[in-house]
Amino acid sequence: MAIEGATARPAVAASASRSVRQDVLALLNRWGWVKVLLFLVPACLLLMLYLVIPIVMLIVMSFYRSTLFGVVPDFSWNNYLHFLRNPMFPN
């Protein structure tokens, strides 16, 4: 029993998507470093997000001066001198 107005899917689309998939798999097998890169990208992104960016922000904020109403950009080495001279922080 046929459905009126229904058309069959062309067989070319399935074979085309299969050939694209095979091409991608062949590329991954040909260049092993692509597999390694795809494996490491999520870990590197997480490392950047949770480690590198906060450390950079910490270094940038160390050049600010704390006031009663917040922080003010004030490029000076006073925070580092305080850290090195204060006996509370061992050398």
PDB file of N, CA and C in Angstrom:
ATOM      1  N   MET A   1       0.847  -1.158   0.000  1.00  0.00           N
ATOM      2  CA  MET A   1       0.000   0.000   0.000  1.00  0.00           C
ATOM      3  C   MET A   1       0.902   1.233   0.000  1.00  0.00           C
ATOM      4  N   ALA A   2       0.748   2.084  -0.959  1.00  0.00           N
ATOM      5  CA  ALA A   2       1.571   3.275  -1.109  1.00  0.00           C
ATOM      6  C   ALA A   2       0.877   4.470  -0.475  1.00  0.00           C
ATOM      7  N   ILE A   3       1.661   5.357   0.058  1.00  0.00           N
ATOM      8  CA  ILE A   3       1.140   6.595   0.637  1.00  0.00           C
ATOM      9  C   ILE A   3       1.172   7.656  -0.446  1.00  0.00           C
ATOM     10  N   GLU A   4       0.070   8.340  -0.590  1.00  0.00           N
ATOM     11  CA  GLU A   4      -0.016   9.343  -1.643  1.00  0.00           C
ATOM     12  C   GLU A   4       0.890  10.530  -1.335  1.00  0.00           C
ATOM     13  N   GLY A   5       1.621  11.003  -2.303  1.00  0.00           N
ATOM     14  CA  GLY A   5       2.481  12.177  -2.159  1.00  0.00           C
ATOM     15  C   GLY A   5       3.825  11.876  -1.523  1.00  0.00           C
ATOM     16  N   ALA A   6       4.036  10.638  -1.107  1.00  0.00           N
ATOM     17  CA  ALA A   6       5.318  10.305  -0.480  1.00  0.00           C
ATOM     18  C   ALA A   6       6.340   9.979  -1.561  1.00  0.00           C
ATOM     19  N   THR A   7       7.535  10.435  -1.333  1.00  0.00           N
ATOM     20  CA  THR A   7       8.610  10.115  -2.272  1.00  0.00           C
ATOM     21  C   THR A   7       9.726   9.418  -1.515  1.00  0.00           C
ATOM     22  N   ALA A   8      10.412   8.591  -2.217  1.00  0.00           N
ATOM     23  CA  ALA A   8      11.517   7.867  -1.596  1.00  0.00           C
ATOM     24  C   ALA A   8      12.721   8.786  -1.468  1.00  0.00           C
ATOM     25  N   ARG A   9      13.517   8.551  -0.435  1.00  0.00           N
ATOM     26  CA  ARG A   9      14.741   9.321  -0.266  1.00  0.00           C
ATOM     27  C   ARG A   9      15.738   8.917  -1.336  1.00  0.00           C
ATOM     28  N   PRO A  10      16.449   9.853  -1.840  1.00  0.00           N
ATOM     29  CA  PRO A  10      17.457   9.476  -2.832  1.00  0.00           C
ATOM     30  C   PRO A  10      18.600   8.717  -2.155  1.00  0.00           C
ATOM     31  N   ALA A  11      19.095   7.708  -2.834  1.00  0.00           N
ATOM     32  CA  ALA A  11      20.171   6.891  -2.292  1.00  0.00           C
ATOM     33  C   ALA A  11      21.493   7.630  -2.277  1.00  0.00           C
ATOM     34  N   VAL A  12      21.590   8.707  -3.014  1.00  0.00           N
ATOM     35  CA  VAL A  12      22.842   9.462  -3.110  1.00  0.00           C
ATOM     36  C   VAL A  12      23.176  10.124  -1.787  1.00  0.00           C
ATOM     37  N   ALA A  13      22.192  10.638  -1.054  1.00  0.00           N
ATOM     38  CA  ALA A  13      22.452  11.342   0.204  1.00  0.00           C
ATOM     39  C   ALA A  13      23.078  10.414   1.227  1.00  0.00           C
ATOM     40  N   ALA A  14      22.586   9.177   1.333  1.00  0.00           N
ATOM     41  CA  ALA A  14      23.143   8.233   2.296  1.00  0.00           C
ATOM     42  C   ALA A  14      24.564   7.862   1.928  1.00  0.00           C
ATOM     43  N   SER A  15      24.803   7.644   0.657  1.00  0.00           N
ATOM     44  CA  SER A  15      26.162   7.272   0.261  1.00  0.00           C
ATOM     45  C   SER A  15      27.101   8.467   0.366  1.00  0.00           C
ATOM     46  N   ALA A  16      26.595   9.684   0.146  1.00  0.00           N
ATOM     47  CA  ALA A  16      27.438  10.875   0.264  1.00  0.00           C
ATOM     48  C   ALA A  16      27.833  11.110   1.710  1.00  0.00           C
ATOM     49  N   SER A  17      26.890  10.959   2.640  1.00  0.00           N
ATOM     50  CA  SER A  17      27.229  11.154   4.045  1.00  0.00           C
ATOM     51  C   SER A  17      28.166  10.058   4.521  1.00  0.00           C
ATOM     52  N   ARG A  18      28.001   8.875   3.998  1.00  0.00           N
ATOM     53  CA  ARG A  18      28.896   7.787   4.371  1.00  0.00           C
ATOM     54  C   ARG A  18      30.301   8.056   3.841  1.00  0.00           C
ATOM     55  N   SER A  19      30.419   8.611   2.646  1.00  0.00           N
ATOM     56  CA  SER A  19      31.740   8.883   2.102  1.00  0.00           C
ATOM     57  C   SER A  19      32.413  10.034   2.852  1.00  0.00           C
ATOM     58  N   VAL A  20      31.635  11.022   3.323  1.00  0.00           N
ATOM     59  CA  VAL A  20      32.214  12.091   4.131  1.00  0.00           C
ATOM     60  C   VAL A  20      32.740  11.527   5.436  1.00  0.00           C
ATOM     61  N   ARG A  21      31.953  10.630   6.033  1.00  0.00           N
ATOM     62  CA  ARG A  21      32.391  10.001   7.282  1.00  0.00           C
ATOM     63  C   ARG A  21      33.650   9.177   7.047  1.00  0.00           C
ATOM     64  N   GLN A  22      33.676   8.449   5.967  1.00  0.00           N
ATOM     65  CA  GLN A  22      34.859   7.662   5.656  1.00  0.00           C
ATOM     66  C   GLN A  22      36.058   8.559   5.381  1.00  0.00           C
ATOM     67  N   ASP A  23      35.817   9.688   4.744  1.00  0.00           N
ATOM     68  CA  ASP A  23      36.920  10.633   4.499  1.00  0.00           C
ATOM     69  C   ASP A  23      37.480  11.181   5.801  1.00  0.00           C
ATOM     70  N   VAL A  24      36.597  11.517   6.728  1.00  0.00           N
ATOM     71  CA  VAL A  24      37.054  12.032   8.020  1.00  0.00           C
ATOM     72  C   VAL A  24      37.829  10.961   8.774  1.00  0.00           C
ATOM     73  N   LEU A  25      37.323   9.741   8.779  1.00  0.00           N
ATOM     74  CA  LEU A  25      38.033   8.652   9.461  1.00  0.00           C
ATOM     75  C   LEU A  25      39.376   8.363   8.800  1.00  0.00           C
ATOM     76  N   ALA A  26      39.418   8.439   7.489  1.00  0.00           N
ATOM     77  CA  ALA A  26      40.688   8.232   6.791  1.00  0.00           C
ATOM     78  C   ALA A  26      41.679   9.335   7.139  1.00  0.00           C
ATOM     79  N   LEU A  27      41.194  10.559   7.262  1.00  0.00           N
ATOM     80  CA  LEU A  27      42.061  11.668   7.653  1.00  0.00           C
ATOM     81  C   LEU A  27      42.615  11.451   9.059  1.00  0.00           C
ATOM     82  N   LEU A  28      41.748  11.023   9.980  1.00  0.00           N
ATOM     83  CA  LEU A  28      42.208  10.769  11.341  1.00  0.00           C
ATOM     84  C   LEU A  28      43.216   9.629  11.389  1.00  0.00           C
ATOM     85  N   ASN A  29      43.017   8.629  10.582  1.00  0.00           N
ATOM     86  CA  ASN A  29      43.961   7.512  10.579  1.00  0.00           C
ATOM     87  C   ASN A  29      45.269   7.874   9.885  1.00  0.00           C
ATOM     88  N   ARG A  30      45.202   8.762   8.917  1.00  0.00           N
ATOM     89  CA  ARG A  30      46.408   9.144   8.201  1.00  0.00           C
ATOM     90  C   ARG A  30      47.295  10.036   9.064  1.00  0.00           C
ATOM     91  N   TRP A  31      46.690  11.002   9.751  1.00  0.00           N
ATOM     92  CA  TRP A  31      47.453  11.911  10.597  1.00  0.00           C
ATOM     93  C   TRP A  31      47.113  11.621  12.050  1.00  0.00           C
ATOM     94  N   GLY A  32      47.996  10.911  12.719  1.00  0.00           N
ATOM     95  CA  GLY A  32      47.752  10.534  14.108  1.00  0.00           C
ATOM     96  C   GLY A  32      47.730  11.716  15.062  1.00  0.00           C
ATOM     97  N   TRP A  33      48.441  12.786  14.705  1.00  0.00           N
ATOM     98  CA  TRP A  33      48.490  13.941  15.597  1.00  0.00           C
ATOM     99  C   TRP A  33      47.139  14.640  15.692  1.00  0.00           C
ATOM    100  N   VAL A  34      46.270  14.461  14.707  1.00  0.00           N
ATOM    101  CA  VAL A  34      44.939  15.065  14.761  1.00  0.00           C
ATOM    102  C   VAL A  34      44.131  14.415  15.881  1.00  0.00           C
ATOM    103  N   LYS A  35      44.277  13.106  16.038  1.00  0.00           N
ATOM    104  CA  LYS A  35      43.588  12.412  17.125  1.00  0.00           C
ATOM    105  C   LYS A  35      44.058  12.935  18.474  1.00  0.00           C
ATOM    106  N   VAL A  36      45.359  13.093  18.606  1.00  0.00           N
ATOM    107  CA  VAL A  36      45.925  13.587  19.867  1.00  0.00           C
ATOM    108  C   VAL A  36      45.444  15.009  20.131  1.00  0.00           C
ATOM    109  N   LEU A  37      45.425  15.824  19.095  1.00  0.00           N
ATOM    110  CA  LEU A  37      44.969  17.199  19.245  1.00  0.00           C
ATOM    111  C   LEU A  37      43.498  17.255  19.658  1.00  0.00           C
ATOM    112  N   LEU A  38      42.671  16.463  19.036  1.00  0.00           N
ATOM    113  CA  LEU A  38      41.255  16.423  19.405  1.00  0.00           C
ATOM    114  C   LEU A  38      41.059  15.904  20.826  1.00  0.00           C
ATOM    115  N   PHE A  39      41.947  15.066  21.279  1.00  0.00           N
ATOM    116  CA  PHE A  39      41.872  14.530  22.636  1.00  0.00           C
ATOM    117  C   PHE A  39      42.300  15.576  23.661  1.00  0.00           C
ATOM    118  N   LEU A  40      43.292  16.406  23.319  1.00  0.00           N
ATOM    119  CA  LEU A  40      43.858  17.353  24.274  1.00  0.00           C
ATOM    120  C   LEU A  40      43.149  18.703  24.312  1.00  0.00           C
ATOM    121  N   VAL A  41      42.414  19.066  23.286  1.00  0.00           N
ATOM    122  CA  VAL A  41      41.777  20.386  23.234  1.00  0.00           C
ATOM    123  C   VAL A  41      40.829  20.618  24.413  1.00  0.00           C
ATOM    124  N   PRO A  42      39.937  19.704  24.778  1.00  0.00           N
ATOM    125  CA  PRO A  42      39.066  19.979  25.930  1.00  0.00           C
ATOM    126  C   PRO A  42      39.848  20.148  27.232  1.00  0.00           C
ATOM    127  N   ALA A  43      40.879  19.354  27.430  1.00  0.00           N
ATOM    128  CA  ALA A  43      41.678  19.479  28.650  1.00  0.00           C
ATOM    129  C   ALA A  43      42.407  20.813  28.683  1.00  0.00           C
ATOM    130  N   CYS A  44      42.928  21.252  27.565  1.00  0.00           N
ATOM    131  CA  CYS A  44      43.624  22.544  27.506  1.00  0.00           C
ATOM    132  C   CYS A  44      42.661  23.698  27.740  1.00  0.00           C
ATOM    133  N   LEU A  45      41.461  23.593  27.224  1.00  0.00           N
ATOM    134  CA  LEU A  45      40.468  24.643  27.456  1.00  0.00           C
ATOM    135  C   LEU A  45      40.093  24.732  28.932  1.00  0.00           C
ATOM    136  N   LEU A  46      39.908  23.599  29.572  1.00  0.00           N
ATOM    137  CA  LEU A  46      39.601  23.601  31.000  1.00  0.00           C
ATOM    138  C   LEU A  46      40.765  24.129  31.821  1.00  0.00           C
ATOM    139  N   LEU A  47      41.977  23.773  31.435  1.00  0.00           N
ATOM    140  CA  LEU A  47      43.158  24.272  32.126  1.00  0.00           C
ATOM    141  C   LEU A  47      43.249  25.784  32.002  1.00  0.00           C
ATOM    142  N   MET A  48      42.992  26.298  30.817  1.00  0.00           N
ATOM    143  CA  MET A  48      43.004  27.745  30.624  1.00  0.00           C
ATOM    144  C   MET A  48      41.927  28.421  31.462  1.00  0.00           C
ATOM    145  N   LEU A  49      40.757  27.832  31.475  1.00  0.00           N
ATOM    146  CA  LEU A  49      39.624  28.444  32.160  1.00  0.00           C
ATOM    147  C   LEU A  49      39.822  28.488  33.667  1.00  0.00           C
ATOM    148  N   TYR A  50      40.304  27.399  34.250  1.00  0.00           N
ATOM    149  CA  TYR A  50      40.353  27.298  35.708  1.00  0.00           C
ATOM    150  C   TYR A  50      41.728  27.521  36.315  1.00  0.00           C
ATOM    151  N   LEU A  51      42.778  27.668  35.525  1.00  0.00           N
ATOM    152  CA  LEU A  51      44.104  27.849  36.094  1.00  0.00           C
ATOM    153  C   LEU A  51      44.802  29.081  35.534  1.00  0.00           C
ATOM    154  N   VAL A  52      44.962  29.160  34.259  1.00  0.00           N
ATOM    155  CA  VAL A  52      45.772  30.220  33.658  1.00  0.00           C
ATOM    156  C   VAL A  52      45.083  31.575  33.782  1.00  0.00           C
ATOM    157  N   ILE A  53      43.814  31.659  33.467  1.00  0.00           N
ATOM    158  CA  ILE A  53      43.103  32.934  33.528  1.00  0.00           C
ATOM    159  C   ILE A  53      43.063  33.488  34.949  1.00  0.00           C
ATOM    160  N   PRO A  54      42.762  32.686  35.988  1.00  0.00           N
ATOM    161  CA  PRO A  54      42.814  33.238  37.348  1.00  0.00           C
ATOM    162  C   PRO A  54      44.207  33.691  37.772  1.00  0.00           C
ATOM    163  N   ILE A  55      45.254  32.991  37.359  1.00  0.00           N
ATOM    164  CA  ILE A  55      46.603  33.413  37.716  1.00  0.00           C
ATOM    165  C   ILE A  55      46.934  34.739  37.042  1.00  0.00           C
ATOM    166  N   VAL A  56      46.561  34.905  35.790  1.00  0.00           N
ATOM    167  CA  VAL A  56      46.797  36.173  35.096  1.00  0.00           C
ATOM    168  C   VAL A  56      46.014  37.296  35.772  1.00  0.00           C
ATOM    169  N   MET A  57      44.776  37.024  36.158  1.00  0.00           N
ATOM    170  CA  MET A  57      43.985  38.038  36.855  1.00  0.00           C
ATOM    171  C   MET A  57      44.611  38.402  38.193  1.00  0.00           C
ATOM    172  N   LEU A  58      45.173  37.424  38.888  1.00  0.00           N
ATOM    173  CA  LEU A  58      45.840  37.673  40.165  1.00  0.00           C
ATOM    174  C   LEU A  58      47.049  38.579  39.973  1.00  0.00           C
ATOM    175  N   ILE A  59      47.828  38.319  38.943  1.00  0.00           N
ATOM    176  CA  ILE A  59      49.004  39.147  38.672  1.00  0.00           C
ATOM    177  C   ILE A  59      48.588  40.571  38.292  1.00  0.00           C
ATOM    178  N   VAL A  60      47.548  40.701  37.472  1.00  0.00           N
ATOM    179  CA  VAL A  60      47.081  42.031  37.080  1.00  0.00           C
ATOM    180  C   VAL A  60      46.551  42.786  38.291  1.00  0.00           C
ATOM    181  N   MET A  61      45.775  42.129  39.128  1.00  0.00           N
ATOM    182  CA  MET A  61      45.197  42.801  40.292  1.00  0.00           C
ATOM    183  C   MET A  61      46.246  43.135  41.352  1.00  0.00           C
ATOM    184  N   SER A  62      47.409  42.509  41.300  1.00  0.00           N
ATOM    185  CA  SER A  62      48.442  42.829  42.280  1.00  0.00           C
ATOM    186  C   SER A  62      49.013  44.222  42.052  1.00  0.00           C
ATOM    187  N   PHE A  63      48.774  44.812  40.899  1.00  0.00           N
ATOM    188  CA  PHE A  63      49.234  46.161  40.616  1.00  0.00           C
ATOM    189  C   PHE A  63      48.156  47.206  40.892  1.00  0.00           C
ATOM    190  N   TYR A  64      47.077  46.821  41.550  1.00  0.00           N
ATOM    191  CA  TYR A  64      46.027  47.755  41.936  1.00  0.00           C
ATOM    192  C   TYR A  64      46.199  48.121  43.411  1.00  0.00           C
ATOM    193  N   ARG A  65      45.646  49.256  43.788  1.00  0.00           N
ATOM    194  CA  ARG A  65      45.711  49.706  45.169  1.00  0.00           C
ATOM    195  C   ARG A  65      44.315  49.606  45.771  1.00  0.00           C
ATOM    196  N   SER A  66      44.235  49.078  46.967  1.00  0.00           N
ATOM    197  CA  SER A  66      42.956  48.928  47.649  1.00  0.00           C
ATOM    198  C   SER A  66      42.588  50.226  48.353  1.00  0.00           C
ATOM    199  N   THR A  67      41.350  50.683  48.151  1.00  0.00           N
ATOM    200  CA  THR A  67      40.853  51.877  48.817  1.00  0.00           C
ATOM    201  C   THR A  67      39.599  51.506  49.594  1.00  0.00           C
ATOM    202  N   LEU A  68      39.043  52.501  50.227  1.00  0.00           N
ATOM    203  CA  LEU A  68      37.839  52.277  51.022  1.00  0.00           C
ATOM    204  C   LEU A  68      36.657  51.869  50.143  1.00  0.00           C
ATOM    205  N   PHE A  69      36.634  52.344  48.907  1.00  0.00           N
ATOM    206  CA  PHE A  69      35.493  52.094  48.031  1.00  0.00           C
ATOM    207  C   PHE A  69      35.782  51.076  46.935  1.00  0.00           C
ATOM    208  N   GLY A  70      36.874  50.358  47.006  1.00  0.00           N
ATOM    209  CA  GLY A  70      37.196  49.362  45.995  1.00  0.00           C
ATOM    210  C   GLY A  70      38.671  49.369  45.676  1.00  0.00           C
ATOM    211  N   VAL A  71      38.994  49.081  44.440  1.00  0.00           N
ATOM    212  CA  VAL A  71      40.376  49.061  43.999  1.00  0.00           C
ATOM    213  C   VAL A  71      40.569  50.103  42.907  1.00  0.00           C
ATOM    214  N   VAL A  72      41.777  50.672  42.892  1.00  0.00           N
ATOM    215  CA  VAL A  72      42.116  51.713  41.939  1.00  0.00           C
ATOM    216  C   VAL A  72      43.365  51.265  41.193  1.00  0.00           C
ATOM    217  N   PRO A  73      43.375  51.392  39.866  1.00  0.00           N
ATOM    218  CA  PRO A  73      44.595  51.041  39.138  1.00  0.00           C
ATOM    219  C   PRO A  73      45.746  51.961  39.546  1.00  0.00           C
ATOM    220  N   ASP A  74      46.794  51.370  40.055  1.00  0.00           N
ATOM    221  CA  ASP A  74      47.948  52.133  40.513  1.00  0.00           C
ATOM    222  C   ASP A  74      49.172  51.251  40.332  1.00  0.00           C
ATOM    223  N   PHE A  75      49.856  51.437  39.203  1.00  0.00           N
ATOM    224  CA  PHE A  75      51.006  50.583  38.917  1.00  0.00           C
ATOM    225  C   PHE A  75      52.147  50.950  39.840  1.00  0.00           C
ATOM    226  N   SER A  76      52.438  50.056  40.769  1.00  0.00           N
ATOM    227  CA  SER A  76      53.584  50.233  41.653  1.00  0.00           C
ATOM    228  C   SER A  76      54.011  48.859  42.145  1.00  0.00           C
ATOM    229  N   TRP A  77      55.201  48.824  42.665  1.00  0.00           N
ATOM    230  CA  TRP A  77      55.756  47.575  43.183  1.00  0.00           C
ATOM    231  C   TRP A  77      55.555  47.469  44.687  1.00  0.00           C
ATOM    232  N   ASN A  78      54.734  48.332  45.275  1.00  0.00           N
ATOM    233  CA  ASN A  78      54.575  48.363  46.730  1.00  0.00           C
ATOM    234  C   ASN A  78      54.029  47.053  47.290  1.00  0.00           C
ATOM    235  N   ASN A  79      53.113  46.426  46.593  1.00  0.00           N
ATOM    236  CA  ASN A  79      52.569  45.164  47.097  1.00  0.00           C
ATOM    237  C   ASN A  79      53.649  44.082  47.150  1.00  0.00           C
ATOM    238  N   TYR A  80      54.512  44.065  46.168  1.00  0.00           N
ATOM    239  CA  TYR A  80      55.585  43.075  46.163  1.00  0.00           C
ATOM    240  C   TYR A  80      56.639  43.410  47.211  1.00  0.00           C
ATOM    241  N   LEU A  81      56.936  44.696  47.406  1.00  0.00           N
ATOM    242  CA  LEU A  81      57.869  45.078  48.461  1.00  0.00           C
ATOM    243  C   LEU A  81      57.318  44.725  49.833  1.00  0.00           C
ATOM    244  N   HIS A  82      56.033  44.946  50.028  1.00  0.00           N
ATOM    245  CA  HIS A  82      55.396  44.576  51.298  1.00  0.00           C
ATOM    246  C   HIS A  82      55.482  43.071  51.526  1.00  0.00           C
ATOM    247  N   PHE A  83      55.266  42.316  50.480  1.00  0.00           N
ATOM    248  CA  PHE A  83      55.340  40.863  50.584  1.00  0.00           C
ATOM    249  C   PHE A  83      56.756  40.403  50.947  1.00  0.00           C
ATOM    250  N   LEU A  84      57.769  41.009  50.334  1.00  0.00           N
ATOM    251  CA  LEU A  84      59.144  40.591  50.585  1.00  0.00           C
ATOM    252  C   LEU A  84      59.671  41.058  51.942  1.00  0.00           C
ATOM    253  N   ARG A  85      59.226  42.211  52.415  1.00  0.00           N
ATOM    254  CA  ARG A  85      59.741  42.760  53.668  1.00  0.00           C
ATOM    255  C   ARG A  85      58.961  42.319  54.898  1.00  0.00           C
ATOM    256  N   ASN A  86      57.771  41.847  54.750  1.00  0.00           N
ATOM    257  CA  ASN A  86      56.932  41.480  55.880  1.00  0.00           C
ATOM    258  C   ASN A  86      57.411  40.155  56.467  1.00  0.00           C
ATOM    259  N   PRO A  87      57.695  40.092  57.767  1.00  0.00           N
ATOM    260  CA  PRO A  87      58.171  38.835  58.357  1.00  0.00           C
ATOM    261  C   PRO A  87      57.087  37.749  58.419  1.00  0.00           C
ATOM    262  N   MET A  88      55.870  38.140  58.202  1.00  0.00           N
ATOM    263  CA  MET A  88      54.794  37.141  58.216  1.00  0.00           C
ATOM    264  C   MET A  88      54.897  36.191  57.032  1.00  0.00           C
ATOM    265  N   PHE A  89      55.468  36.668  55.925  1.00  0.00           N
ATOM    266  CA  PHE A  89      55.642  35.849  54.733  1.00  0.00           C
ATOM    267  C   PHE A  89      57.088  35.375  54.694  1.00  0.00           C
ATOM    268  N   PRO A  90      57.340  34.099  54.914  1.00  0.00           N
ATOM    269  CA  PRO A  90      58.738  33.635  54.902  1.00  0.00           C
ATOM    270  C   PRO A  90      59.351  33.694  53.508  1.00  0.00           C
ATOM    271  N   ASN A  91      60.630  33.938  53.488  1.00  0.00           N
ATOM    272  CA  ASN A  91      61.343  34.024  52.199  1.00  0.00           C
ATOM    273  C   ASN A  91      61.738  32.671  51.704  1.00  0.00           C
TER     274      ASN A  91
END
